[in-house]
């Protein structure tokens, strides 16, 4: 004679029949004593895995613990590397200073950045300084800086402050024929 097995309670007239897996699981943990035993075993196994991950170096993988790795690479005398902006051009300003030893023109530079193919020199000069000696000189020197760096077609914009229109262009070189002066824009 075949033993009587317990199947999950019916779920309604139009419900799908239970899957073979759910029937098997119901048989395994159907008895309340067995359910407690299964839950206790699962809890113990989870606690053992968690303890191994926390206590063993590298989570049991044989690799050094993360703190040990960091400590091994940390030197108290070494300063952290600064986060650099890929658009910054840190060696451009020192180059421009070699062209202007007195610093009368370079003192106007506030920032130098790459913008795609262009080098942009931002200054504290005003809108009225369009085509001024400082603006044109900065454009010419920046063009030479790019050429010395291997750029065959240097493109430079020298920007000044504007009251209402962002950074106005005071001088630029957009092609090889350009002379760094901007045309009449008004």
C-alpha atoms as a PDB file:
ATOM      1  CA  UNK A   1       0.000   0.000   0.000  1.00  0.00           C
ATOM      2  CA  UNK A   2       1.139   3.429  -0.798  1.00  0.00           C
ATOM      3  CA  UNK A   3       1.770   5.977   1.989  1.00  0.00           C
ATOM      4  CA  UNK A   4      -0.509   8.974   2.128  1.00  0.00           C
ATOM      5  CA  UNK A   5       1.335  12.188   1.248  1.00  0.00           C
ATOM      6  CA  UNK A   6       0.334  15.669   2.087  1.00  0.00           C
ATOM      7  CA  UNK A   7       0.020  18.086  -0.799  1.00  0.00           C
ATOM      8  CA  UNK A   8      -0.442  21.810  -0.455  1.00  0.00           C
ATOM      9  CA  UNK A   9      -3.964  22.998   0.200  1.00  0.00           C
ATOM     10  CA  UNK A  10      -5.990  23.678  -2.918  1.00  0.00           C
ATOM     11  CA  UNK A  11      -5.666  27.263  -4.111  1.00  0.00           C
ATOM     12  CA  UNK A  12      -9.004  27.711  -5.750  1.00  0.00           C
ATOM     13  CA  UNK A  13     -10.906  26.265  -8.613  1.00  0.00           C
ATOM     14  CA  UNK A  14      -9.090  28.149 -11.403  1.00  0.00           C
ATOM     15  CA  UNK A  15      -5.609  28.174  -9.873  1.00  0.00           C
ATOM     16  CA  UNK A  16      -2.763  26.385 -11.572  1.00  0.00           C
ATOM     17  CA  UNK A  17      -1.756  23.160  -9.931  1.00  0.00           C
ATOM     18  CA  UNK A  18       1.300  23.408  -7.684  1.00  0.00           C
ATOM     19  CA  UNK A  19       4.664  22.759  -9.273  1.00  0.00           C
ATOM     20  CA  UNK A  20       6.658  19.654  -8.477  1.00  0.00           C
ATOM     21  CA  UNK A  21       9.202  21.756  -6.578  1.00  0.00           C
ATOM     22  CA  UNK A  22       6.598  23.369  -4.335  1.00  0.00           C
ATOM     23  CA  UNK A  23       5.035  19.971  -3.611  1.00  0.00           C
ATOM     24  CA  UNK A  24       8.466  18.564  -2.725  1.00  0.00           C
ATOM     25  CA  UNK A  25       9.273  21.540  -0.463  1.00  0.00           C
ATOM     26  CA  UNK A  26       5.904  21.222   1.244  1.00  0.00           C
ATOM     27  CA  UNK A  27       6.644  17.571   1.931  1.00  0.00           C
ATOM     28  CA  UNK A  28      10.087  18.428   3.343  1.00  0.00           C
ATOM     29  CA  UNK A  29       8.983  21.143   5.735  1.00  0.00           C
ATOM     30  CA  UNK A  30       5.364  20.179   6.215  1.00  0.00           C
ATOM     31  CA  UNK A  31       5.839  18.739   9.688  1.00  0.00           C
ATOM     32  CA  UNK A  32       6.256  21.591  12.254  1.00  0.00           C
ATOM     33  CA  UNK A  33       9.188  19.802  13.904  1.00  0.00           C
ATOM     34  CA  UNK A  34      10.895  19.347  10.554  1.00  0.00           C
ATOM     35  CA  UNK A  35      10.196  23.001   9.662  1.00  0.00           C
ATOM     36  CA  UNK A  36      11.965  24.154  12.834  1.00  0.00           C
ATOM     37  CA  UNK A  37      14.870  21.858  12.080  1.00  0.00           C
ATOM     38  CA  UNK A  38      15.202  23.168   8.512  1.00  0.00           C
ATOM     39  CA  UNK A  39      15.005  26.801   9.664  1.00  0.00           C
ATOM     40  CA  UNK A  40      17.574  26.202  12.421  1.00  0.00           C
ATOM     41  CA  UNK A  41      19.911  24.519   9.932  1.00  0.00           C
ATOM     42  CA  UNK A  42      19.512  27.340   7.403  1.00  0.00           C
ATOM     43  CA  UNK A  43      20.155  29.947  10.099  1.00  0.00           C
ATOM     44  CA  UNK A  44      23.269  28.143  11.337  1.00  0.00           C
ATOM     45  CA  UNK A  45      24.615  27.791   7.801  1.00  0.00           C
ATOM     46  CA  UNK A  46      23.988  31.491   7.100  1.00  0.00           C
ATOM     47  CA  UNK A  47      25.756  32.497  10.310  1.00  0.00           C
ATOM     48  CA  UNK A  48      28.739  30.273   9.416  1.00  0.00           C
ATOM     49  CA  UNK A  49      29.045  31.810   5.929  1.00  0.00           C
ATOM     50  CA  UNK A  50      28.785  35.328   7.351  1.00  0.00           C
ATOM     51  CA  UNK A  51      31.409  34.606  10.015  1.00  0.00           C
ATOM     52  CA  UNK A  52      33.765  33.169   7.387  1.00  0.00           C
ATOM     53  CA  UNK A  53      33.336  36.248   5.208  1.00  0.00           C
ATOM     54  CA  UNK A  54      34.056  38.624   8.092  1.00  0.00           C
ATOM     55  CA  UNK A  55      36.746  36.780  10.009  1.00  0.00           C
ATOM     56  CA  UNK A  56      38.818  35.079   7.338  1.00  0.00           C
ATOM     57  CA  UNK A  57      41.276  37.261   5.379  1.00  0.00           C
ATOM     58  CA  UNK A  58      39.889  38.003   1.925  1.00  0.00           C
ATOM     59  CA  UNK A  59      36.643  36.197   2.769  1.00  0.00           C
ATOM     60  CA  UNK A  60      38.334  32.815   2.594  1.00  0.00           C
ATOM     61  CA  UNK A  61      39.758  33.398  -0.890  1.00  0.00           C
ATOM     62  CA  UNK A  62      43.362  33.486   0.272  1.00  0.00           C
ATOM     63  CA  UNK A  63      43.707  37.146  -0.722  1.00  0.00           C
ATOM     64  CA  UNK A  64      44.833  39.671   1.891  1.00  0.00           C
ATOM     65  CA  UNK A  65      42.128  41.485   3.805  1.00  0.00           C
ATOM     66  CA  UNK A  66      41.071  44.813   2.285  1.00  0.00           C
ATOM     67  CA  UNK A  67      42.323  46.768   5.299  1.00  0.00           C
ATOM     68  CA  UNK A  68      45.695  45.028   5.129  1.00  0.00           C
ATOM     69  CA  UNK A  69      45.954  45.772   1.420  1.00  0.00           C
ATOM     70  CA  UNK A  70      45.185  49.437   1.978  1.00  0.00           C
ATOM     71  CA  UNK A  71      47.568  49.632   4.921  1.00  0.00           C
ATOM     72  CA  UNK A  72      50.344  48.020   2.891  1.00  0.00           C
ATOM     73  CA  UNK A  73      49.975  50.621   0.160  1.00  0.00           C
ATOM     74  CA  UNK A  74      49.582  53.601   2.456  1.00  0.00           C
ATOM     75  CA  UNK A  75      52.690  55.578   3.212  1.00  0.00           C
ATOM     76  CA  UNK A  76      52.284  58.278   5.844  1.00  0.00           C
ATOM     77  CA  UNK A  77      54.761  60.550   4.051  1.00  0.00           C
ATOM     78  CA  UNK A  78      53.055  60.211   0.649  1.00  0.00           C
ATOM     79  CA  UNK A  79      50.437  62.819  -0.150  1.00  0.00           C
ATOM     80  CA  UNK A  80      47.244  61.642  -1.833  1.00  0.00           C
ATOM     81  CA  UNK A  81      47.182  62.164  -5.570  1.00  0.00           C
ATOM     82  CA  UNK A  82      45.019  65.145  -6.453  1.00  0.00           C
ATOM     83  CA  UNK A  83      41.992  64.542  -8.612  1.00  0.00           C
ATOM     84  CA  UNK A  84      42.773  66.138 -11.950  1.00  0.00           C
ATOM     85  CA  UNK A  85      40.380  67.508 -14.498  1.00  0.00           C
ATOM     86  CA  UNK A  86      41.117  66.084 -17.962  1.00  0.00           C
ATOM     87  CA  UNK A  87      40.354  69.480 -19.520  1.00  0.00           C
ATOM     88  CA  UNK A  88      42.930  71.327 -17.433  1.00  0.00           C
ATOM     89  CA  UNK A  89      46.250  72.207 -19.046  1.00  0.00           C
ATOM     90  CA  UNK A  90      48.592  72.615 -16.065  1.00  0.00           C
ATOM     91  CA  UNK A  91      51.781  73.249 -18.044  1.00  0.00           C
ATOM     92  CA  UNK A  92      50.312  76.039 -20.228  1.00  0.00           C
ATOM     93  CA  UNK A  93      50.528  78.835 -17.636  1.00  0.00           C
ATOM     94  CA  UNK A  94      54.209  78.206 -16.836  1.00  0.00           C
ATOM     95  CA  UNK A  95      54.873  78.299 -20.597  1.00  0.00           C
ATOM     96  CA  UNK A  96      53.076  81.639 -20.922  1.00  0.00           C
ATOM     97  CA  UNK A  97      55.059  83.009 -17.978  1.00  0.00           C
ATOM     98  CA  UNK A  98      58.293  82.308 -19.867  1.00  0.00           C
ATOM     99  CA  UNK A  99      56.991  84.598 -22.640  1.00  0.00           C
ATOM    100  CA  UNK A 100      56.133  87.350 -20.138  1.00  0.00           C
ATOM    101  CA  UNK A 101      58.910  87.459 -17.499  1.00  0.00           C
ATOM    102  CA  UNK A 102      57.568  90.674 -15.919  1.00  0.00           C
ATOM    103  CA  UNK A 103      54.112  89.145 -15.600  1.00  0.00           C
ATOM    104  CA  UNK A 104      52.286  92.233 -16.919  1.00  0.00           C
ATOM    105  CA  UNK A 105      50.163  90.230 -19.365  1.00  0.00           C
ATOM    106  CA  UNK A 106      50.011  86.782 -17.765  1.00  0.00           C
ATOM    107  CA  UNK A 107      48.634  88.268 -14.544  1.00  0.00           C
ATOM    108  CA  UNK A 108      45.271  88.557 -16.325  1.00  0.00           C
ATOM    109  CA  UNK A 109      44.968  84.776 -16.877  1.00  0.00           C
ATOM    110  CA  UNK A 110      42.475  83.111 -14.531  1.00  0.00           C
ATOM    111  CA  UNK A 111      42.201  79.651 -16.124  1.00  0.00           C
ATOM    112  CA  UNK A 112      43.400  77.659 -19.134  1.00  0.00           C
ATOM    113  CA  UNK A 113      41.338  74.692 -20.349  1.00  0.00           C
ATOM    114  CA  UNK A 114      40.911  72.386 -23.294  1.00  0.00           C
ATOM    115  CA  UNK A 115      37.519  72.343 -24.936  1.00  0.00           C
ATOM    116  CA  UNK A 116      37.539  69.713 -27.659  1.00  0.00           C
ATOM    117  CA  UNK A 117      40.102  70.845 -30.234  1.00  0.00           C
ATOM    118  CA  UNK A 118      40.326  74.355 -28.764  1.00  0.00           C
ATOM    119  CA  UNK A 119      42.502  75.822 -26.045  1.00  0.00           C
ATOM    120  CA  UNK A 120      40.553  78.394 -24.047  1.00  0.00           C
ATOM    121  CA  UNK A 121      42.382  81.056 -22.039  1.00  0.00           C
ATOM    122  CA  UNK A 122      40.096  82.788 -19.534  1.00  0.00           C
ATOM    123  CA  UNK A 123      41.139  86.208 -18.265  1.00  0.00           C
ATOM    124  CA  UNK A 124      39.931  88.998 -16.012  1.00  0.00           C
ATOM    125  CA  UNK A 125      39.967  91.409 -18.974  1.00  0.00           C
ATOM    126  CA  UNK A 126      36.698  93.154 -19.821  1.00  0.00           C
ATOM    127  CA  UNK A 127      34.585  93.293 -22.981  1.00  0.00           C
ATOM    128  CA  UNK A 128      36.271  96.515 -24.068  1.00  0.00           C
ATOM    129  CA  UNK A 129      39.654  94.716 -24.240  1.00  0.00           C
ATOM    130  CA  UNK A 130      38.775  93.045 -27.542  1.00  0.00           C
ATOM    131  CA  UNK A 131      41.942  92.844 -29.730  1.00  0.00           C
ATOM    132  CA  UNK A 132      43.986  94.505 -26.959  1.00  0.00           C
ATOM    133  CA  UNK A 133      47.720  93.834 -26.644  1.00  0.00           C
ATOM    134  CA  UNK A 134      47.264  91.430 -23.680  1.00  0.00           C
ATOM    135  CA  UNK A 135      44.497  89.469 -25.439  1.00  0.00           C
ATOM    136  CA  UNK A 136      46.348  89.148 -28.758  1.00  0.00           C
ATOM    137  CA  UNK A 137      49.644  88.315 -27.028  1.00  0.00           C
ATOM    138  CA  UNK A 138      47.988  85.557 -24.978  1.00  0.00           C
ATOM    139  CA  UNK A 139      46.458  84.177 -28.173  1.00  0.00           C
ATOM    140  CA  UNK A 140      49.779  84.199 -30.040  1.00  0.00           C
ATOM    141  CA  UNK A 141      51.714  82.665 -27.131  1.00  0.00           C
ATOM    142  CA  UNK A 142      49.058  79.976 -26.622  1.00  0.00           C
ATOM    143  CA  UNK A 143      49.201  79.169 -30.336  1.00  0.00           C
ATOM    144  CA  UNK A 144      52.968  78.753 -30.062  1.00  0.00           C
ATOM    145  CA  UNK A 145      52.521  76.594 -26.952  1.00  0.00           C
ATOM    146  CA  UNK A 146      50.242  74.255 -28.914  1.00  0.00           C
ATOM    147  CA  UNK A 147      52.637  74.149 -31.882  1.00  0.00           C
ATOM    148  CA  UNK A 148      55.558  73.346 -29.575  1.00  0.00           C
ATOM    149  CA  UNK A 149      53.433  70.518 -28.186  1.00  0.00           C
ATOM    150  CA  UNK A 150      52.946  69.004 -31.649  1.00  0.00           C
ATOM    151  CA  UNK A 151      49.577  70.488 -32.602  1.00  0.00           C
ATOM    152  CA  UNK A 152      49.703  71.190 -36.346  1.00  0.00           C
ATOM    153  CA  UNK A 153      46.465  73.187 -36.419  1.00  0.00           C
ATOM    154  CA  UNK A 154      46.259  75.106 -33.126  1.00  0.00           C
ATOM    155  CA  UNK A 155      42.946  76.733 -32.268  1.00  0.00           C
ATOM    156  CA  UNK A 156      42.865  79.263 -29.416  1.00  0.00           C
ATOM    157  CA  UNK A 157      40.201  81.444 -27.807  1.00  0.00           C
ATOM    158  CA  UNK A 158      41.042  84.166 -25.291  1.00  0.00           C
ATOM    159  CA  UNK A 159      38.015  85.030 -23.164  1.00  0.00           C
ATOM    160  CA  UNK A 160      37.249  88.033 -21.004  1.00  0.00           C
ATOM    161  CA  UNK A 161      34.582  88.764 -18.424  1.00  0.00           C
ATOM    162  CA  UNK A 162      31.217  89.995 -19.563  1.00  0.00           C
ATOM    163  CA  UNK A 163      28.498  91.579 -17.505  1.00  0.00           C
ATOM    164  CA  UNK A 164      25.655  89.681 -19.105  1.00  0.00           C
ATOM    165  CA  UNK A 165      26.926  87.295 -21.774  1.00  0.00           C
ATOM    166  CA  UNK A 166      29.225  84.751 -20.142  1.00  0.00           C
ATOM    167  CA  UNK A 167      32.803  84.847 -21.392  1.00  0.00           C
ATOM    168  CA  UNK A 168      33.230  87.173 -24.351  1.00  0.00           C
ATOM    169  CA  UNK A 169      35.925  86.339 -26.951  1.00  0.00           C
ATOM    170  CA  UNK A 170      38.682  88.961 -26.942  1.00  0.00           C
ATOM    171  CA  UNK A 171      41.052  87.263 -29.390  1.00  0.00           C
ATOM    172  CA  UNK A 172      41.041  83.964 -31.251  1.00  0.00           C
ATOM    173  CA  UNK A 173      42.804  81.814 -33.809  1.00  0.00           C
ATOM    174  CA  UNK A 174      40.402  79.564 -35.672  1.00  0.00           C
ATOM    175  CA  UNK A 175      42.531  78.719 -38.714  1.00  0.00           C
ATOM    176  CA  UNK A 176      46.110  78.910 -39.931  1.00  0.00           C
ATOM    177  CA  UNK A 177      45.326  82.146 -41.791  1.00  0.00           C
ATOM    178  CA  UNK A 178      43.868  83.803 -38.699  1.00  0.00           C
ATOM    179  CA  UNK A 179      46.011  86.453 -36.959  1.00  0.00           C
ATOM    180  CA  UNK A 180      44.459  86.162 -33.438  1.00  0.00           C
ATOM    181  CA  UNK A 181      42.379  89.335 -33.834  1.00  0.00           C
ATOM    182  CA  UNK A 182      38.604  89.125 -33.784  1.00  0.00           C
ATOM    183  CA  UNK A 183      36.599  90.848 -36.477  1.00  0.00           C
ATOM    184  CA  UNK A 184      34.009  93.545 -35.839  1.00  0.00           C
ATOM    185  CA  UNK A 185      31.087  91.902 -34.041  1.00  0.00           C
ATOM    186  CA  UNK A 186      28.894  94.907 -33.312  1.00  0.00           C
END
